[in-house]
């Protein structure tokens, strides 16, 4: 699903043609899986929704910035 979103962004000229869609997909999914792992290991003290929001606001910008049109 994420890969298709990124591919659509490239096709719609929202991301540059040289955007490494496969790599970015794996990087972002790995981060999200890491957050799920932290949640599982924290006995529920880690709040995935809060951290996902922070991740999207800070890290996603940094990951995609180079490829934005």
PDB file of N, CA and C in Angstrom:
ATOM      1  N   UNK A   1       0.814  -1.191   0.000  1.00  0.00           N
ATOM      2  CA  UNK A   1       0.000   0.000   0.000  1.00  0.00           C
ATOM      3  C   UNK A   1       0.865   1.265   0.000  1.00  0.00           C
ATOM      4  N   UNK A   2       1.860   1.319   0.872  1.00  0.00           N
ATOM      5  CA  UNK A   2       2.739   2.492   0.918  1.00  0.00           C
ATOM      6  C   UNK A   2       3.489   2.656  -0.395  1.00  0.00           C
ATOM      7  N   UNK A   3       3.942   1.553  -0.943  1.00  0.00           N
ATOM      8  CA  UNK A   3       4.668   1.612  -2.212  1.00  0.00           C
ATOM      9  C   UNK A   3       3.791   2.232  -3.298  1.00  0.00           C
ATOM     10  N   UNK A   4       2.537   1.847  -3.330  1.00  0.00           N
ATOM     11  CA  UNK A   4       1.618   2.397  -4.333  1.00  0.00           C
ATOM     12  C   UNK A   4       1.380   3.889  -4.108  1.00  0.00           C
ATOM     13  N   UNK A   5       1.310   4.289  -2.855  1.00  0.00           N
ATOM     14  CA  UNK A   5       1.132   5.716  -2.544  1.00  0.00           C
ATOM     15  C   UNK A   5       2.324   6.512  -3.064  1.00  0.00           C
ATOM     16  N   UNK A   6       3.521   6.014  -2.808  1.00  0.00           N
ATOM     17  CA  UNK A   6       4.721   6.708  -3.282  1.00  0.00           C
ATOM     18  C   UNK A   6       4.800   6.695  -4.807  1.00  0.00           C
ATOM     19  N   UNK A   7       4.455   5.577  -5.421  1.00  0.00           N
ATOM     20  CA  UNK A   7       4.463   5.505  -6.884  1.00  0.00           C
ATOM     21  C   UNK A   7       3.463   6.493  -7.482  1.00  0.00           C
ATOM     22  N   UNK A   8       2.298   6.599  -6.878  1.00  0.00           N
ATOM     23  CA  UNK A   8       1.303   7.569  -7.349  1.00  0.00           C
ATOM     24  C   UNK A   8       1.812   8.997  -7.202  1.00  0.00           C
ATOM     25  N   UNK A   9       2.521   9.259  -6.125  1.00  0.00           N
ATOM     26  CA  UNK A   9       3.087  10.592  -5.921  1.00  0.00           C
ATOM     27  C   UNK A   9       4.107  10.917  -7.012  1.00  0.00           C
ATOM     28  N   UNK A  10       4.883   9.928  -7.420  1.00  0.00           N
ATOM     29  CA  UNK A  10       5.838  10.130  -8.517  1.00  0.00           C
ATOM     30  C   UNK A  10       5.076  10.383  -9.818  1.00  0.00           C
ATOM     31  N   UNK A  11       4.074   9.574 -10.086  1.00  0.00           N
ATOM     32  CA  UNK A  11       3.293   9.722 -11.320  1.00  0.00           C
ATOM     33  C   UNK A  11       2.548  11.054 -11.375  1.00  0.00           C
ATOM     34  N   UNK A  12       2.153  11.565 -10.210  1.00  0.00           N
ATOM     35  CA  UNK A  12       1.422  12.835 -10.147  1.00  0.00           C
ATOM     36  C   UNK A  12       2.345  14.036  -9.991  1.00  0.00           C
ATOM     37  N   UNK A  13       3.649  13.802 -10.183  1.00  0.00           N
ATOM     38  CA  UNK A  13       4.662  14.852 -10.076  1.00  0.00           C
ATOM     39  C   UNK A  13       4.678  15.536  -8.715  1.00  0.00           C
ATOM     40  N   UNK A  14       4.351  14.785  -7.690  1.00  0.00           N
ATOM     41  CA  UNK A  14       4.480  15.282  -6.319  1.00  0.00           C
ATOM     42  C   UNK A  14       5.850  14.917  -5.758  1.00  0.00           C
ATOM     43  N   UNK A  15       6.393  13.818  -6.272  1.00  0.00           N
ATOM     44  CA  UNK A  15       7.756  13.401  -5.959  1.00  0.00           C
ATOM     45  C   UNK A  15       8.527  13.298  -7.271  1.00  0.00           C
ATOM     46  N   UNK A  16       9.831  13.528  -7.201  1.00  0.00           N
ATOM     47  CA  UNK A  16      10.677  13.484  -8.395  1.00  0.00           C
ATOM     48  C   UNK A  16      10.727  12.079  -8.987  1.00  0.00           C
ATOM     49  N   UNK A  17      11.022  12.028 -10.265  1.00  0.00           N
ATOM     50  CA  UNK A  17      11.088  10.748 -10.983  1.00  0.00           C
ATOM     51  C   UNK A  17      12.177   9.832 -10.432  1.00  0.00           C
ATOM     52  N   UNK A  18      13.236  10.411  -9.869  1.00  0.00           N
ATOM     53  CA  UNK A  18      14.340   9.596  -9.346  1.00  0.00           C
ATOM     54  C   UNK A  18      14.123   9.156  -7.895  1.00  0.00           C
ATOM     55  N   UNK A  19      12.924   9.320  -7.385  1.00  0.00           N
ATOM     56  CA  UNK A  19      12.610   8.910  -6.015  1.00  0.00           C
ATOM     57  C   UNK A  19      12.780   7.396  -5.882  1.00  0.00           C
ATOM     58  N   UNK A  20      13.595   6.956  -4.935  1.00  0.00           N
ATOM     59  CA  UNK A  20      13.793   5.511  -4.745  1.00  0.00           C
ATOM     60  C   UNK A  20      12.617   4.901  -3.961  1.00  0.00           C
ATOM     61  N   UNK A  21      11.541   4.664  -4.671  1.00  0.00           N
ATOM     62  CA  UNK A  21      10.288   4.227  -4.054  1.00  0.00           C
ATOM     63  C   UNK A  21      10.479   2.962  -3.222  1.00  0.00           C
ATOM     64  N   UNK A  22      11.156   1.991  -3.780  1.00  0.00           N
ATOM     65  CA  UNK A  22      11.360   0.716  -3.066  1.00  0.00           C
ATOM     66  C   UNK A  22      12.131   0.940  -1.766  1.00  0.00           C
ATOM     67  N   UNK A  23      13.207   1.692  -1.839  1.00  0.00           N
ATOM     68  CA  UNK A  23      14.028   1.968  -0.661  1.00  0.00           C
ATOM     69  C   UNK A  23      13.237   2.740   0.393  1.00  0.00           C
ATOM     70  N   UNK A  24      12.549   3.783  -0.025  1.00  0.00           N
ATOM     71  CA  UNK A  24      11.774   4.581   0.924  1.00  0.00           C
ATOM     72  C   UNK A  24      10.664   3.757   1.566  1.00  0.00           C
ATOM     73  N   UNK A  25      10.046   2.905   0.782  1.00  0.00           N
ATOM     74  CA  UNK A  25       9.002   2.034   1.324  1.00  0.00           C
ATOM     75  C   UNK A  25       9.566   1.169   2.447  1.00  0.00           C
ATOM     76  N   UNK A  26      10.705   0.550   2.193  1.00  0.00           N
ATOM     77  CA  UNK A  26      11.314  -0.321   3.207  1.00  0.00           C
ATOM     78  C   UNK A  26      11.760   0.473   4.433  1.00  0.00           C
ATOM     79  N   UNK A  27      12.300   1.654   4.220  1.00  0.00           N
ATOM     80  CA  UNK A  27      12.751   2.475   5.348  1.00  0.00           C
ATOM     81  C   UNK A  27      11.577   2.876   6.245  1.00  0.00           C
ATOM     82  N   UNK A  28      10.516   3.335   5.637  1.00  0.00           N
ATOM     83  CA  UNK A  28       9.362   3.800   6.411  1.00  0.00           C
ATOM     84  C   UNK A  28       8.683   2.632   7.127  1.00  0.00           C
ATOM     85  N   UNK A  29       8.491   1.539   6.421  1.00  0.00           N
ATOM     86  CA  UNK A  29       7.862   0.363   7.034  1.00  0.00           C
ATOM     87  C   UNK A  29       8.724  -0.160   8.184  1.00  0.00           C
ATOM     88  N   UNK A  30      10.037  -0.153   8.009  1.00  0.00           N
ATOM     89  CA  UNK A  30      10.933  -0.610   9.077  1.00  0.00           C
ATOM     90  C   UNK A  30      10.781   0.249  10.325  1.00  0.00           C
ATOM     91  N   UNK A  31      10.652   1.541  10.140  1.00  0.00           N
ATOM     92  CA  UNK A  31      10.448   2.435  11.282  1.00  0.00           C
ATOM     93  C   UNK A  31       9.143   2.105  12.002  1.00  0.00           C
ATOM     94  N   UNK A  32       8.095   1.886  11.232  1.00  0.00           N
ATOM     95  CA  UNK A  32       6.797   1.586  11.839  1.00  0.00           C
ATOM     96  C   UNK A  32       6.818   0.239  12.561  1.00  0.00           C
ATOM     97  N   UNK A  33       7.469  -0.751  11.963  1.00  0.00           N
ATOM     98  CA  UNK A  33       7.597  -2.047  12.639  1.00  0.00           C
ATOM     99  C   UNK A  33       8.425  -1.908  13.917  1.00  0.00           C
ATOM    100  N   UNK A  34       9.430  -1.056  13.875  1.00  0.00           N
ATOM    101  CA  UNK A  34      10.233  -0.806  15.068  1.00  0.00           C
ATOM    102  C   UNK A  34       9.394  -0.220  16.193  1.00  0.00           C
ATOM    103  N   UNK A  35       8.492   0.678  15.841  1.00  0.00           N
ATOM    104  CA  UNK A  35       7.607   1.251  16.856  1.00  0.00           C
ATOM    105  C   UNK A  35       6.677   0.187  17.435  1.00  0.00           C
ATOM    106  N   UNK A  36       6.206  -0.709  16.586  1.00  0.00           N
ATOM    107  CA  UNK A  36       5.351  -1.795  17.089  1.00  0.00           C
ATOM    108  C   UNK A  36       6.137  -2.704  18.033  1.00  0.00           C
ATOM    109  N   UNK A  37       7.390  -2.949  17.703  1.00  0.00           N
ATOM    110  CA  UNK A  37       8.239  -3.771  18.569  1.00  0.00           C
ATOM    111  C   UNK A  37       8.436  -3.090  19.919  1.00  0.00           C
ATOM    112  N   UNK A  38       8.698  -1.791  19.895  1.00  0.00           N
ATOM    113  CA  UNK A  38       8.848  -1.040  21.153  1.00  0.00           C
ATOM    114  C   UNK A  38       7.580  -1.127  21.992  1.00  0.00           C
ATOM    115  N   UNK A  39       6.451  -1.019  21.344  1.00  0.00           N
ATOM    116  CA  UNK A  39       5.177  -1.102  22.056  1.00  0.00           C
ATOM    117  C   UNK A  39       5.026  -2.472  22.716  1.00  0.00           C
ATOM    118  N   UNK A  40       5.347  -3.525  21.969  1.00  0.00           N
ATOM    119  CA  UNK A  40       5.231  -4.885  22.511  1.00  0.00           C
ATOM    120  C   UNK A  40       6.169  -5.102  23.696  1.00  0.00           C
ATOM    121  N   UNK A  41       7.338  -4.517  23.624  1.00  0.00           N
ATOM    122  CA  UNK A  41       8.339  -4.734  24.664  1.00  0.00           C
ATOM    123  C   UNK A  41       8.162  -3.802  25.864  1.00  0.00           C
ATOM    124  N   UNK A  42       7.301  -2.804  25.744  1.00  0.00           N
ATOM    125  CA  UNK A  42       7.172  -1.814  26.819  1.00  0.00           C
ATOM    126  C   UNK A  42       5.992  -2.077  27.741  1.00  0.00           C
ATOM    127  N   UNK A  43       5.347  -3.208  27.591  1.00  0.00           N
ATOM    128  CA  UNK A  43       4.156  -3.517  28.393  1.00  0.00           C
ATOM    129  C   UNK A  43       3.097  -2.427  28.274  1.00  0.00           C
ATOM    130  N   UNK A  44       2.970  -1.875  27.088  1.00  0.00           N
ATOM    131  CA  UNK A  44       1.933  -0.885  26.827  1.00  0.00           C
ATOM    132  C   UNK A  44       2.284   0.534  27.224  1.00  0.00           C
ATOM    133  N   UNK A  45       3.492   0.758  27.743  1.00  0.00           N
ATOM    134  CA  UNK A  45       3.877   2.118  28.137  1.00  0.00           C
ATOM    135  C   UNK A  45       4.221   2.984  26.931  1.00  0.00           C
ATOM    136  N   UNK A  46       4.694   2.377  25.892  1.00  0.00           N
ATOM    137  CA  UNK A  46       5.021   3.085  24.648  1.00  0.00           C
ATOM    138  C   UNK A  46       3.718   3.290  23.888  1.00  0.00           C
ATOM    139  N   UNK A  47       3.415   4.518  23.534  1.00  0.00           N
ATOM    140  CA  UNK A  47       2.162   4.824  22.841  1.00  0.00           C
ATOM    141  C   UNK A  47       2.431   4.983  21.345  1.00  0.00           C
ATOM    142  N   UNK A  48       2.114   3.955  20.550  1.00  0.00           N
ATOM    143  CA  UNK A  48       2.445   3.992  19.126  1.00  0.00           C
ATOM    144  C   UNK A  48       1.798   5.147  18.361  1.00  0.00           C
ATOM    145  N   UNK A  49       0.591   5.517  18.696  1.00  0.00           N
ATOM    146  CA  UNK A  49      -0.057   6.608  17.962  1.00  0.00           C
ATOM    147  C   UNK A  49       0.677   7.928  18.160  1.00  0.00           C
ATOM    148  N   UNK A  50       1.106   8.192  19.378  1.00  0.00           N
ATOM    149  CA  UNK A  50       1.861   9.422  19.641  1.00  0.00           C
ATOM    150  C   UNK A  50       3.167   9.439  18.858  1.00  0.00           C
ATOM    151  N   UNK A  51       3.863   8.311  18.884  1.00  0.00           N
ATOM    152  CA  UNK A  51       5.157   8.251  18.216  1.00  0.00           C
ATOM    153  C   UNK A  51       5.014   8.214  16.697  1.00  0.00           C
ATOM    154  N   UNK A  52       3.957   7.620  16.210  1.00  0.00           N
ATOM    155  CA  UNK A  52       3.725   7.629  14.763  1.00  0.00           C
ATOM    156  C   UNK A  52       3.470   9.054  14.295  1.00  0.00           C
ATOM    157  N   UNK A  53       2.714   9.794  15.071  1.00  0.00           N
ATOM    158  CA  UNK A  53       2.453  11.196  14.738  1.00  0.00           C
ATOM    159  C   UNK A  53       3.757  11.994  14.727  1.00  0.00           C
ATOM    160  N   UNK A  54       4.585  11.805  15.733  1.00  0.00           N
ATOM    161  CA  UNK A  54       5.879  12.501  15.792  1.00  0.00           C
ATOM    162  C   UNK A  54       6.759  12.090  14.614  1.00  0.00           C
ATOM    163  N   UNK A  55       6.770  10.806  14.318  1.00  0.00           N
ATOM    164  CA  UNK A  55       7.561  10.296  13.197  1.00  0.00           C
ATOM    165  C   UNK A  55       7.125  10.957  11.893  1.00  0.00           C
ATOM    166  N   UNK A  56       5.828  11.033  11.685  1.00  0.00           N
ATOM    167  CA  UNK A  56       5.319  11.620  10.446  1.00  0.00           C
ATOM    168  C   UNK A  56       5.637  13.111  10.352  1.00  0.00           C
ATOM    169  N   UNK A  57       5.542  13.810  11.463  1.00  0.00           N
ATOM    170  CA  UNK A  57       5.791  15.256  11.448  1.00  0.00           C
ATOM    171  C   UNK A  57       7.266  15.599  11.271  1.00  0.00           C
ATOM    172  N   UNK A  58       8.139  14.778  11.806  1.00  0.00           N
ATOM    173  CA  UNK A  58       9.567  15.108  11.784  1.00  0.00           C
ATOM    174  C   UNK A  58      10.337  14.280  10.759  1.00  0.00           C
ATOM    175  N   UNK A  59      10.283  12.986  10.893  1.00  0.00           N
ATOM    176  CA  UNK A  59      11.145  12.118  10.097  1.00  0.00           C
ATOM    177  C   UNK A  59      10.692  11.987   8.645  1.00  0.00           C
ATOM    178  N   UNK A  60       9.410  11.884   8.412  1.00  0.00           N
ATOM    179  CA  UNK A  60       8.926  11.742   7.030  1.00  0.00           C
ATOM    180  C   UNK A  60       9.354  12.949   6.195  1.00  0.00           C
ATOM    181  N   UNK A  61       9.276  14.132   6.781  1.00  0.00           N
ATOM    182  CA  UNK A  61       9.727  15.332   6.063  1.00  0.00           C
ATOM    183  C   UNK A  61      11.184  15.186   5.643  1.00  0.00           C
ATOM    184  N   UNK A  62      12.011  14.728   6.568  1.00  0.00           N
ATOM    185  CA  UNK A  62      13.436  14.569   6.263  1.00  0.00           C
ATOM    186  C   UNK A  62      13.681  13.490   5.213  1.00  0.00           C
ATOM    187  N   UNK A  63      12.929  12.423   5.288  1.00  0.00           N
ATOM    188  CA  UNK A  63      13.104  11.322   4.338  1.00  0.00           C
ATOM    189  C   UNK A  63      12.697  11.748   2.927  1.00  0.00           C
ATOM    190  N   UNK A  64      11.601  12.481   2.816  1.00  0.00           N
ATOM    191  CA  UNK A  64      11.051  12.821   1.496  1.00  0.00           C
ATOM    192  C   UNK A  64      11.524  14.163   0.943  1.00  0.00           C
ATOM    193  N   UNK A  65      12.087  15.003   1.770  1.00  0.00           N
ATOM    194  CA  UNK A  65      12.420  16.372   1.369  1.00  0.00           C
ATOM    195  C   UNK A  65      13.219  16.449   0.066  1.00  0.00           C
ATOM    196  N   UNK A  66      14.198  15.596  -0.075  1.00  0.00           N
ATOM    197  CA  UNK A  66      15.055  15.605  -1.263  1.00  0.00           C
ATOM    198  C   UNK A  66      14.275  15.304  -2.549  1.00  0.00           C
ATOM    199  N   UNK A  67      13.152  14.632  -2.417  1.00  0.00           N
ATOM    200  CA  UNK A  67      12.409  14.167  -3.584  1.00  0.00           C
ATOM    201  C   UNK A  67      11.136  14.961  -3.866  1.00  0.00           C
ATOM    202  N   UNK A  68      10.823  15.915  -3.009  1.00  0.00           N
ATOM    203  CA  UNK A  68       9.612  16.710  -3.220  1.00  0.00           C
ATOM    204  C   UNK A  68       9.763  17.611  -4.434  1.00  0.00           C
ATOM    205  N   UNK A  69       8.681  17.791  -5.150  1.00  0.00           N
ATOM    206  CA  UNK A  69       8.678  18.671  -6.329  1.00  0.00           C
ATOM    207  C   UNK A  69       8.318  20.076  -5.897  1.00  0.00           C
TER     208      UNK A  69
END
